[in-house]
N, C-alpha and C. Protein backbone atom coordinates (compact mmCIF):
# COMPACT_ATOMS: atom_id res chain seq x y z
N MET A 1 0.81 -1.18 0.00
CA MET A 1 0.00 0.00 0.00
C MET A 1 0.87 1.26 0.00
N LEU A 2 1.94 1.29 0.81
CA LEU A 2 2.81 2.46 0.83
C LEU A 2 3.56 2.64 -0.49
N SER A 3 3.71 1.58 -1.24
CA SER A 3 4.42 1.70 -2.51
C SER A 3 3.58 2.41 -3.56
N GLN A 4 2.28 2.53 -3.34
CA GLN A 4 1.41 3.20 -4.29
C GLN A 4 1.41 4.73 -4.11
N ILE A 5 1.96 5.23 -2.96
CA ILE A 5 1.99 6.67 -2.69
C ILE A 5 3.36 7.20 -3.08
N SER A 6 3.36 8.23 -3.90
CA SER A 6 4.65 8.81 -4.30
C SER A 6 5.08 9.88 -3.28
N TRP A 7 6.36 10.26 -3.37
CA TRP A 7 6.87 11.29 -2.47
C TRP A 7 6.18 12.63 -2.71
N GLY A 8 5.84 12.92 -3.88
CA GLY A 8 5.15 14.17 -4.19
C GLY A 8 3.78 14.24 -3.54
N GLN A 9 3.05 13.09 -3.61
CA GLN A 9 1.73 13.06 -2.98
C GLN A 9 1.85 13.18 -1.45
N TYR A 10 2.86 12.52 -0.87
CA TYR A 10 3.08 12.58 0.58
C TYR A 10 3.36 14.01 1.02
N VAL A 11 4.25 14.72 0.32
CA VAL A 11 4.60 16.09 0.67
C VAL A 11 3.39 17.00 0.52
N ALA A 12 2.61 16.79 -0.55
CA ALA A 12 1.41 17.61 -0.75
C ALA A 12 0.40 17.37 0.38
N TYR A 13 0.21 16.14 0.81
CA TYR A 13 -0.71 15.82 1.90
C TYR A 13 -0.26 16.46 3.20
N VAL A 14 1.03 16.36 3.55
CA VAL A 14 1.56 16.95 4.78
C VAL A 14 1.45 18.47 4.74
N ALA A 15 1.70 19.07 3.57
CA ALA A 15 1.59 20.53 3.45
C ALA A 15 0.15 20.99 3.64
N VAL A 16 -0.80 20.29 3.03
CA VAL A 16 -2.21 20.67 3.17
C VAL A 16 -2.67 20.46 4.62
N ALA A 17 -2.28 19.35 5.25
CA ALA A 17 -2.66 19.09 6.65
C ALA A 17 -2.06 20.15 7.57
N GLY A 18 -0.81 20.52 7.38
CA GLY A 18 -0.18 21.56 8.19
C GLY A 18 -0.84 22.91 7.99
N LEU A 19 -1.19 23.23 6.75
CA LEU A 19 -1.86 24.49 6.45
C LEU A 19 -3.22 24.56 7.13
N LEU A 20 -3.98 23.48 7.07
CA LEU A 20 -5.28 23.45 7.74
C LEU A 20 -5.14 23.58 9.26
N TYR A 21 -4.15 22.92 9.84
CA TYR A 21 -3.90 23.00 11.27
C TYR A 21 -3.60 24.43 11.70
N TYR A 22 -2.68 25.09 11.02
CA TYR A 22 -2.30 26.45 11.41
C TYR A 22 -3.40 27.46 11.13
N LEU A 23 -4.19 27.26 10.10
CA LEU A 23 -5.34 28.13 9.85
C LEU A 23 -6.36 28.00 10.98
N THR A 24 -6.58 26.78 11.45
CA THR A 24 -7.50 26.56 12.56
C THR A 24 -7.01 27.26 13.83
N VAL A 25 -5.73 27.12 14.13
CA VAL A 25 -5.15 27.77 15.32
C VAL A 25 -5.27 29.29 15.20
N ILE A 26 -4.94 29.83 14.06
CA ILE A 26 -5.00 31.28 13.86
C ILE A 26 -6.43 31.78 13.99
N LEU A 27 -7.38 31.07 13.41
CA LEU A 27 -8.77 31.50 13.49
C LEU A 27 -9.33 31.38 14.90
N LEU A 28 -8.92 30.36 15.64
CA LEU A 28 -9.43 30.19 17.00
C LEU A 28 -8.84 31.22 17.98
N TYR A 29 -7.56 31.42 17.91
CA TYR A 29 -6.89 32.24 18.92
C TYR A 29 -6.68 33.70 18.52
N TYR A 30 -6.70 34.00 17.26
CA TYR A 30 -6.42 35.37 16.81
C TYR A 30 -7.58 35.97 16.01
N ARG A 31 -8.78 35.45 16.18
CA ARG A 31 -9.90 35.93 15.37
C ARG A 31 -10.24 37.38 15.67
N ILE A 32 -10.10 37.84 16.93
CA ILE A 32 -10.40 39.23 17.28
C ILE A 32 -9.40 40.17 16.60
N ASN A 33 -8.14 39.80 16.62
CA ASN A 33 -7.10 40.61 15.98
C ASN A 33 -7.32 40.66 14.46
N LEU A 34 -7.71 39.53 13.88
CA LEU A 34 -7.95 39.50 12.44
C LEU A 34 -9.15 40.36 12.05
N LEU A 35 -10.21 40.32 12.87
CA LEU A 35 -11.38 41.14 12.58
C LEU A 35 -11.04 42.63 12.65
N LEU A 36 -10.26 43.01 13.68
CA LEU A 36 -9.84 44.41 13.78
C LEU A 36 -8.97 44.82 12.60
N PHE A 37 -8.10 43.93 12.19
CA PHE A 37 -7.20 44.25 11.07
C PHE A 37 -7.98 44.42 9.78
N PHE A 38 -8.96 43.55 9.52
CA PHE A 38 -9.72 43.65 8.28
C PHE A 38 -10.72 44.81 8.28
N LYS A 39 -11.15 45.27 9.47
CA LYS A 39 -12.04 46.43 9.54
C LYS A 39 -11.30 47.71 9.19
N ASP A 40 -10.07 47.85 9.72
CA ASP A 40 -9.28 49.07 9.49
C ASP A 40 -7.82 48.67 9.29
N PRO A 41 -7.44 48.27 8.07
CA PRO A 41 -6.08 47.77 7.85
C PRO A 41 -5.01 48.86 7.93
N LEU A 42 -5.37 50.12 7.81
CA LEU A 42 -4.36 51.17 7.84
C LEU A 42 -4.03 51.64 9.26
N ASN A 43 -4.80 51.23 10.25
CA ASN A 43 -4.55 51.62 11.65
C ASN A 43 -3.38 50.81 12.19
N PRO A 44 -2.29 51.47 12.65
CA PRO A 44 -1.12 50.72 13.11
C PRO A 44 -1.38 49.93 14.40
N GLN A 45 -2.37 50.32 15.18
CA GLN A 45 -2.66 49.57 16.42
C GLN A 45 -3.25 48.21 16.11
N ASN A 46 -3.90 48.06 15.00
CA ASN A 46 -4.53 46.78 14.65
C ASN A 46 -3.53 45.77 14.11
N ARG A 47 -2.36 46.21 13.78
CA ARG A 47 -1.38 45.26 13.20
C ARG A 47 -0.81 44.35 14.26
N SER A 48 -0.62 44.87 15.45
CA SER A 48 -0.03 44.02 16.47
C SER A 48 -1.03 43.66 17.53
N GLY A 49 -2.21 43.85 17.55
CA GLY A 49 -3.21 43.38 18.47
C GLY A 49 -2.89 43.49 19.94
N SER A 50 -1.65 43.78 20.35
CA SER A 50 -1.31 43.80 21.76
C SER A 50 -1.95 44.98 22.48
N ASP A 51 -2.13 46.11 21.78
CA ASP A 51 -2.75 47.26 22.42
C ASP A 51 -4.21 46.97 22.74
N TYR A 52 -4.85 46.20 21.88
CA TYR A 52 -6.25 45.87 22.12
C TYR A 52 -6.39 45.04 23.38
N HIS A 53 -5.51 44.08 23.57
CA HIS A 53 -5.59 43.22 24.75
C HIS A 53 -5.28 43.96 26.02
N GLN A 54 -4.49 45.03 25.95
CA GLN A 54 -4.21 45.80 27.16
C GLN A 54 -5.41 46.62 27.56
N ASN A 55 -6.23 47.04 26.62
CA ASN A 55 -7.38 47.88 26.93
C ASN A 55 -8.60 47.07 27.34
N LYS A 56 -8.72 45.85 26.88
CA LYS A 56 -9.90 45.09 27.23
C LYS A 56 -9.75 44.50 28.63
N LYS A 57 -10.88 44.13 29.18
CA LYS A 57 -10.90 43.59 30.53
C LYS A 57 -10.24 42.21 30.55
N GLU A 58 -9.41 41.97 31.55
CA GLU A 58 -8.71 40.70 31.66
C GLU A 58 -9.70 39.58 31.96
N ARG A 59 -9.44 38.42 31.38
CA ARG A 59 -10.31 37.28 31.59
C ARG A 59 -9.62 36.21 32.42
N ASP A 60 -8.64 36.61 33.21
CA ASP A 60 -7.94 35.65 34.04
C ASP A 60 -8.88 35.11 35.12
N VAL A 61 -8.67 33.87 35.49
CA VAL A 61 -9.51 33.26 36.51
C VAL A 61 -9.25 33.93 37.86
N LEU A 62 -8.00 34.12 38.23
CA LEU A 62 -7.65 34.71 39.51
C LEU A 62 -7.33 36.19 39.41
N GLY A 63 -7.29 36.74 38.24
CA GLY A 63 -6.96 38.15 38.07
C GLY A 63 -5.47 38.36 38.00
N LYS A 64 -5.10 39.61 37.76
CA LYS A 64 -3.69 39.94 37.66
C LYS A 64 -3.10 40.07 39.07
N PRO A 65 -1.87 39.64 39.28
CA PRO A 65 -1.25 39.82 40.59
C PRO A 65 -0.91 41.29 40.81
N LEU A 66 -1.16 41.77 42.00
CA LEU A 66 -0.85 43.15 42.34
C LEU A 66 0.47 43.20 43.08
N ILE A 67 1.27 44.20 42.78
CA ILE A 67 2.53 44.39 43.49
C ILE A 67 2.24 45.21 44.73
N PRO A 68 2.55 44.68 45.92
CA PRO A 68 2.25 45.43 47.14
C PRO A 68 3.12 46.69 47.23
N VAL A 69 2.49 47.78 47.59
CA VAL A 69 3.19 49.05 47.73
C VAL A 69 3.42 49.31 49.21
N ASN A 70 4.65 49.67 49.57
CA ASN A 70 5.03 49.96 50.96
C ASN A 70 4.68 48.81 51.89
N GLU A 71 5.01 47.62 51.49
CA GLU A 71 4.73 46.46 52.31
C GLU A 71 5.75 46.39 53.43
N ASN A 72 5.29 46.24 54.65
CA ASN A 72 6.18 46.11 55.79
C ASN A 72 6.42 44.64 56.06
N ILE A 73 7.66 44.29 56.25
CA ILE A 73 8.01 42.90 56.53
C ILE A 73 8.33 42.81 58.02
N VAL A 74 7.66 41.89 58.69
CA VAL A 74 7.84 41.72 60.12
C VAL A 74 8.30 40.29 60.36
N SER A 75 9.39 40.15 61.10
CA SER A 75 9.85 38.80 61.41
C SER A 75 9.08 38.29 62.62
N SER A 76 9.11 36.99 62.83
CA SER A 76 8.36 36.39 63.93
C SER A 76 8.89 36.83 65.29
N SER A 77 10.16 37.18 65.38
CA SER A 77 10.71 37.62 66.66
C SER A 77 10.23 39.01 67.05
N GLU A 78 9.71 39.79 66.09
CA GLU A 78 9.24 41.13 66.39
C GLU A 78 7.78 41.16 66.85
N LEU A 79 7.07 40.04 66.73
CA LEU A 79 5.67 40.00 67.13
C LEU A 79 5.55 39.80 68.63
N GLN A 80 4.66 40.56 69.26
CA GLN A 80 4.41 40.39 70.68
C GLN A 80 2.90 40.30 70.87
N PHE A 81 2.48 39.33 71.66
CA PHE A 81 1.07 39.13 71.88
C PHE A 81 0.71 39.27 73.36
N TYR A 82 1.43 40.09 74.07
CA TYR A 82 1.15 40.31 75.48
C TYR A 82 1.52 41.74 75.84
N ASN A 83 1.03 42.17 76.98
CA ASN A 83 1.31 43.51 77.46
C ASN A 83 2.29 43.42 78.61
N HIS A 84 3.37 44.16 78.56
CA HIS A 84 4.41 44.08 79.59
C HIS A 84 3.88 44.50 80.96
N GLU A 85 3.02 45.51 81.03
CA GLU A 85 2.57 46.04 82.31
C GLU A 85 1.66 45.06 83.04
N THR A 86 0.81 44.35 82.32
CA THR A 86 -0.15 43.47 82.97
C THR A 86 0.36 42.05 83.11
N LYS A 87 1.47 41.72 82.53
CA LYS A 87 1.94 40.34 82.56
C LYS A 87 2.33 39.93 83.98
N GLY A 88 3.06 40.76 84.69
CA GLY A 88 3.50 40.42 86.04
C GLY A 88 2.37 40.43 87.04
N GLU A 89 1.29 41.17 86.81
CA GLU A 89 0.19 41.26 87.75
C GLU A 89 -0.65 40.00 87.78
N SER A 90 -0.66 39.21 86.73
CA SER A 90 -1.50 38.03 86.68
C SER A 90 -0.94 36.89 87.52
N SER A 91 0.34 36.92 87.82
CA SER A 91 0.97 35.85 88.58
C SER A 91 1.09 36.27 90.04
N ASN A 92 0.83 35.32 90.94
CA ASN A 92 0.96 35.60 92.38
C ASN A 92 2.36 35.34 92.88
N ASP A 93 3.15 34.56 92.17
CA ASP A 93 4.50 34.22 92.58
C ASP A 93 5.46 35.30 92.09
N PRO A 94 6.14 36.03 93.03
CA PRO A 94 7.01 37.12 92.59
C PRO A 94 8.22 36.65 91.79
N SER A 95 8.74 35.46 92.05
CA SER A 95 9.90 34.98 91.30
C SER A 95 9.52 34.70 89.85
N THR A 96 8.31 34.23 89.62
CA THR A 96 7.85 33.98 88.26
C THR A 96 7.70 35.28 87.50
N SER A 97 7.15 36.31 88.16
CA SER A 97 6.96 37.58 87.47
C SER A 97 8.30 38.24 87.16
N ILE A 98 9.30 38.08 88.01
CA ILE A 98 10.64 38.63 87.73
C ILE A 98 11.26 37.91 86.54
N LEU A 99 11.10 36.59 86.49
CA LEU A 99 11.65 35.84 85.35
C LEU A 99 10.94 36.21 84.06
N ASP A 100 9.63 36.40 84.13
CA ASP A 100 8.89 36.84 82.94
C ASP A 100 9.35 38.23 82.52
N GLU A 101 9.54 39.10 83.49
CA GLU A 101 9.99 40.46 83.19
C GLU A 101 11.40 40.44 82.60
N LYS A 102 12.25 39.55 83.11
CA LYS A 102 13.60 39.42 82.56
C LYS A 102 13.55 38.97 81.10
N GLY A 103 12.70 37.99 80.80
CA GLY A 103 12.55 37.53 79.42
C GLY A 103 12.03 38.62 78.51
N SER A 104 11.06 39.38 78.99
CA SER A 104 10.51 40.48 78.20
C SER A 104 11.56 41.56 77.97
N PHE A 105 12.33 41.86 79.01
CA PHE A 105 13.38 42.87 78.90
C PHE A 105 14.42 42.46 77.87
N LEU A 106 14.86 41.20 77.94
CA LEU A 106 15.88 40.72 77.00
C LEU A 106 15.33 40.67 75.57
N SER A 107 14.06 40.33 75.44
CA SER A 107 13.44 40.32 74.12
C SER A 107 13.38 41.72 73.53
N ASP A 108 12.95 42.69 74.33
CA ASP A 108 12.90 44.08 73.86
C ASP A 108 14.29 44.60 73.51
N LEU A 109 15.25 44.28 74.36
CA LEU A 109 16.62 44.74 74.11
C LEU A 109 17.20 44.09 72.85
N ASN A 110 16.89 42.83 72.64
CA ASN A 110 17.37 42.13 71.44
C ASN A 110 16.81 42.78 70.18
N GLU A 111 15.52 43.14 70.20
CA GLU A 111 14.92 43.81 69.06
C GLU A 111 15.59 45.17 68.82
N GLY A 112 15.88 45.88 69.91
CA GLY A 112 16.57 47.17 69.78
C GLY A 112 17.97 47.00 69.22
N LEU A 113 18.66 45.93 69.63
CA LEU A 113 20.01 45.69 69.12
C LEU A 113 19.99 45.34 67.63
N ILE A 114 18.97 44.63 67.21
CA ILE A 114 18.84 44.31 65.78
C ILE A 114 18.70 45.60 64.97
N ILE A 115 17.85 46.48 65.45
CA ILE A 115 17.65 47.76 64.76
C ILE A 115 18.92 48.60 64.81
N LEU A 116 19.58 48.59 65.97
CA LEU A 116 20.82 49.36 66.13
C LEU A 116 21.92 48.84 65.21
N LYS A 117 21.99 47.53 65.02
CA LYS A 117 22.99 46.96 64.13
C LYS A 117 22.73 47.35 62.68
N GLU A 118 21.46 47.31 62.27
CA GLU A 118 21.11 47.68 60.89
C GLU A 118 21.42 49.15 60.63
N ALA A 119 21.24 49.99 61.65
CA ALA A 119 21.48 51.42 61.50
C ALA A 119 22.93 51.79 61.79
N GLU A 120 23.76 50.78 62.11
CA GLU A 120 25.16 50.99 62.47
C GLU A 120 25.28 52.04 63.57
N GLY A 121 24.54 51.78 64.66
CA GLY A 121 24.47 52.69 65.78
C GLY A 121 25.75 52.75 66.60
N THR A 122 25.85 53.78 67.40
CA THR A 122 27.03 54.01 68.23
C THR A 122 26.75 53.59 69.66
N LYS A 123 27.78 53.70 70.49
CA LYS A 123 27.67 53.35 71.89
C LYS A 123 26.71 54.30 72.62
N ASP A 124 26.75 55.58 72.27
CA ASP A 124 25.85 56.56 72.89
C ASP A 124 24.39 56.26 72.55
N GLU A 125 24.13 55.86 71.31
CA GLU A 125 22.77 55.50 70.92
C GLU A 125 22.29 54.26 71.67
N PHE A 126 23.20 53.31 71.90
CA PHE A 126 22.83 52.14 72.68
C PHE A 126 22.51 52.53 74.11
N CYS A 127 23.31 53.43 74.68
CA CYS A 127 23.06 53.87 76.07
C CYS A 127 21.67 54.50 76.19
N ALA A 128 21.30 55.32 75.23
CA ALA A 128 19.97 55.94 75.25
C ALA A 128 18.89 54.88 75.10
N LEU A 129 19.10 53.94 74.19
CA LEU A 129 18.14 52.86 73.98
C LEU A 129 17.99 52.01 75.24
N PHE A 130 19.11 51.69 75.88
CA PHE A 130 19.08 50.86 77.08
C PHE A 130 18.33 51.56 78.20
N GLN A 131 18.52 52.86 78.36
CA GLN A 131 17.84 53.58 79.42
C GLN A 131 16.34 53.64 79.18
N VAL A 132 15.94 53.78 77.93
CA VAL A 132 14.50 53.80 77.61
C VAL A 132 13.88 52.44 77.90
N ILE A 133 14.55 51.37 77.48
CA ILE A 133 14.00 50.03 77.68
C ILE A 133 14.02 49.65 79.15
N SER A 134 15.12 49.94 79.85
CA SER A 134 15.22 49.56 81.26
C SER A 134 14.27 50.34 82.15
N SER A 135 13.83 51.52 81.70
CA SER A 135 12.89 52.30 82.53
C SER A 135 11.54 51.60 82.64
N LYS A 136 11.21 50.71 81.72
CA LYS A 136 9.96 49.97 81.78
C LYS A 136 10.03 48.79 82.76
N TYR A 137 11.24 48.42 83.17
CA TYR A 137 11.42 47.23 83.99
C TYR A 137 12.10 47.59 85.31
N GLU A 138 11.43 48.40 86.12
CA GLU A 138 12.00 48.84 87.40
C GLU A 138 12.14 47.69 88.39
N ALA A 139 11.19 46.77 88.40
CA ALA A 139 11.26 45.65 89.34
C ALA A 139 12.49 44.78 89.06
N LEU A 140 12.85 44.63 87.82
CA LEU A 140 14.03 43.84 87.46
C LEU A 140 15.31 44.53 87.91
N ALA A 141 15.30 45.85 87.89
CA ALA A 141 16.49 46.61 88.29
C ALA A 141 16.79 46.43 89.77
N HIS A 142 15.77 46.18 90.57
CA HIS A 142 15.96 46.05 92.02
C HIS A 142 15.87 44.61 92.50
N SER A 143 15.97 43.64 91.60
CA SER A 143 15.85 42.23 91.98
C SER A 143 17.21 41.55 92.01
N SER A 144 17.19 40.29 92.43
CA SER A 144 18.43 39.50 92.48
C SER A 144 18.87 39.05 91.09
N GLU A 145 18.00 39.14 90.11
CA GLU A 145 18.31 38.74 88.74
C GLU A 145 19.07 39.82 87.97
N ARG A 146 19.29 40.97 88.57
CA ARG A 146 19.91 42.09 87.86
C ARG A 146 21.31 41.74 87.37
N GLN A 147 22.15 41.14 88.23
CA GLN A 147 23.54 40.85 87.84
C GLN A 147 23.60 39.81 86.72
N VAL A 148 22.72 38.82 86.79
CA VAL A 148 22.68 37.81 85.73
C VAL A 148 22.23 38.47 84.42
N THR A 149 21.25 39.35 84.51
CA THR A 149 20.75 40.04 83.33
C THR A 149 21.82 40.94 82.73
N VAL A 150 22.59 41.60 83.58
CA VAL A 150 23.66 42.48 83.11
C VAL A 150 24.70 41.69 82.32
N SER A 151 25.09 40.52 82.81
CA SER A 151 26.08 39.71 82.09
C SER A 151 25.49 39.17 80.77
N VAL A 152 24.20 38.84 80.77
CA VAL A 152 23.57 38.38 79.55
C VAL A 152 23.52 39.51 78.53
N VAL A 153 23.26 40.73 78.99
CA VAL A 153 23.21 41.89 78.09
C VAL A 153 24.58 42.13 77.46
N SER A 154 25.64 42.07 78.24
CA SER A 154 26.98 42.28 77.67
C SER A 154 27.34 41.17 76.69
N ASP A 155 26.93 39.94 76.98
CA ASP A 155 27.15 38.83 76.04
C ASP A 155 26.33 39.04 74.76
N LEU A 156 25.13 39.57 74.91
CA LEU A 156 24.26 39.82 73.76
C LEU A 156 24.86 40.89 72.86
N ILE A 157 25.46 41.90 73.45
CA ILE A 157 26.09 42.97 72.67
C ILE A 157 27.27 42.41 71.88
N SER A 158 28.09 41.57 72.51
CA SER A 158 29.23 41.01 71.79
C SER A 158 28.79 40.01 70.73
N ALA A 159 27.67 39.31 70.97
CA ALA A 159 27.19 38.33 69.98
C ALA A 159 26.62 39.01 68.75
N LYS A 160 26.08 40.20 68.88
CA LYS A 160 25.50 40.93 67.74
C LYS A 160 26.57 41.58 66.86
N GLU A 161 27.82 41.54 67.28
CA GLU A 161 28.94 42.09 66.51
C GLU A 161 28.69 43.55 66.12
N LEU A 162 28.42 44.35 67.15
CA LEU A 162 28.19 45.78 66.94
C LEU A 162 29.53 46.51 66.83
N ASN A 163 29.47 47.80 66.56
CA ASN A 163 30.69 48.60 66.40
C ASN A 163 31.34 48.95 67.73
N PHE A 164 30.78 48.51 68.83
CA PHE A 164 31.29 48.83 70.15
C PHE A 164 31.11 47.62 71.06
N SER A 165 31.71 47.69 72.24
CA SER A 165 31.53 46.63 73.23
C SER A 165 31.37 47.28 74.60
N LEU A 166 30.67 46.59 75.46
CA LEU A 166 30.45 47.07 76.82
C LEU A 166 30.76 45.94 77.79
N THR A 167 31.40 46.28 78.88
CA THR A 167 31.66 45.30 79.93
C THR A 167 30.42 45.23 80.82
N PRO A 168 30.30 44.17 81.62
CA PRO A 168 29.16 44.09 82.53
C PRO A 168 29.11 45.26 83.52
N GLN A 169 30.27 45.79 83.91
CA GLN A 169 30.28 46.93 84.83
C GLN A 169 29.67 48.17 84.17
N GLU A 170 29.99 48.39 82.89
CA GLU A 170 29.43 49.54 82.17
C GLU A 170 27.92 49.39 82.01
N VAL A 171 27.46 48.19 81.73
CA VAL A 171 26.02 47.96 81.60
C VAL A 171 25.34 48.18 82.94
N ASN A 172 25.97 47.73 84.02
CA ASN A 172 25.42 47.91 85.36
C ASN A 172 25.31 49.40 85.71
N GLU A 173 26.29 50.21 85.30
CA GLU A 173 26.25 51.65 85.54
C GLU A 173 25.14 52.32 84.75
N LEU A 174 24.84 51.78 83.56
CA LEU A 174 23.76 52.34 82.75
C LEU A 174 22.40 52.14 83.41
N TRP A 175 22.30 51.11 84.22
CA TRP A 175 21.02 50.77 84.83
C TRP A 175 20.76 51.53 86.13
N ALA A 176 21.43 52.62 86.31
CA ALA A 176 21.29 53.38 87.56
C ALA A 176 20.08 54.27 87.56
C-alpha cells in the first residue's frame, strides 16, 4: 500500500494538513485581531493586536497579581502578643513575674540591638536605647536577677557584633 503513494503526494498531503492545522489555530486564537485588522487595515494599532488586549478587561480566573506598595516585613521575633505592664500582675508568685519580666526585657533589648545593628548605631545611641527600655522594667532593676541580666546583656552585645563593646560593669552603671 505504501508503494502506491509517491513522495510528491506525501509532501502535498503533509503541506495541506499543516496548512489546515495552522489556519485553525490562527482562526481560534487570533480571530479578534484579524477582525480588527480587516475592519481598518491602515490603523497601526490593529497590526499588532497587543494594544487591544491591554485595553480590554482581563479574563484571568484569579486576576492579575498586584505588586504590594510599601509592604512592611515583620519577622516572627518582632511580634508580641502580650502587654508588659499586665503580665507580672496576673501571677501571684514574685519569682515567676521577675523571670517573665527578665525575658521580656531581653526580648525588647534584642529587638533594639537588631535595629541598632542595621542602623550601624554608636555606643551613645545604645546607652539611650538601654535607658529607655530599662525604665519599663523597674522591678528587674531592684531584683536579684539584675547581675545575671547584666552579664547576659553584655554577652548579647558582643554576639551581635556591633561597632562597640560594653563590659558588665558599664552595663550595670547604665542601669542606675
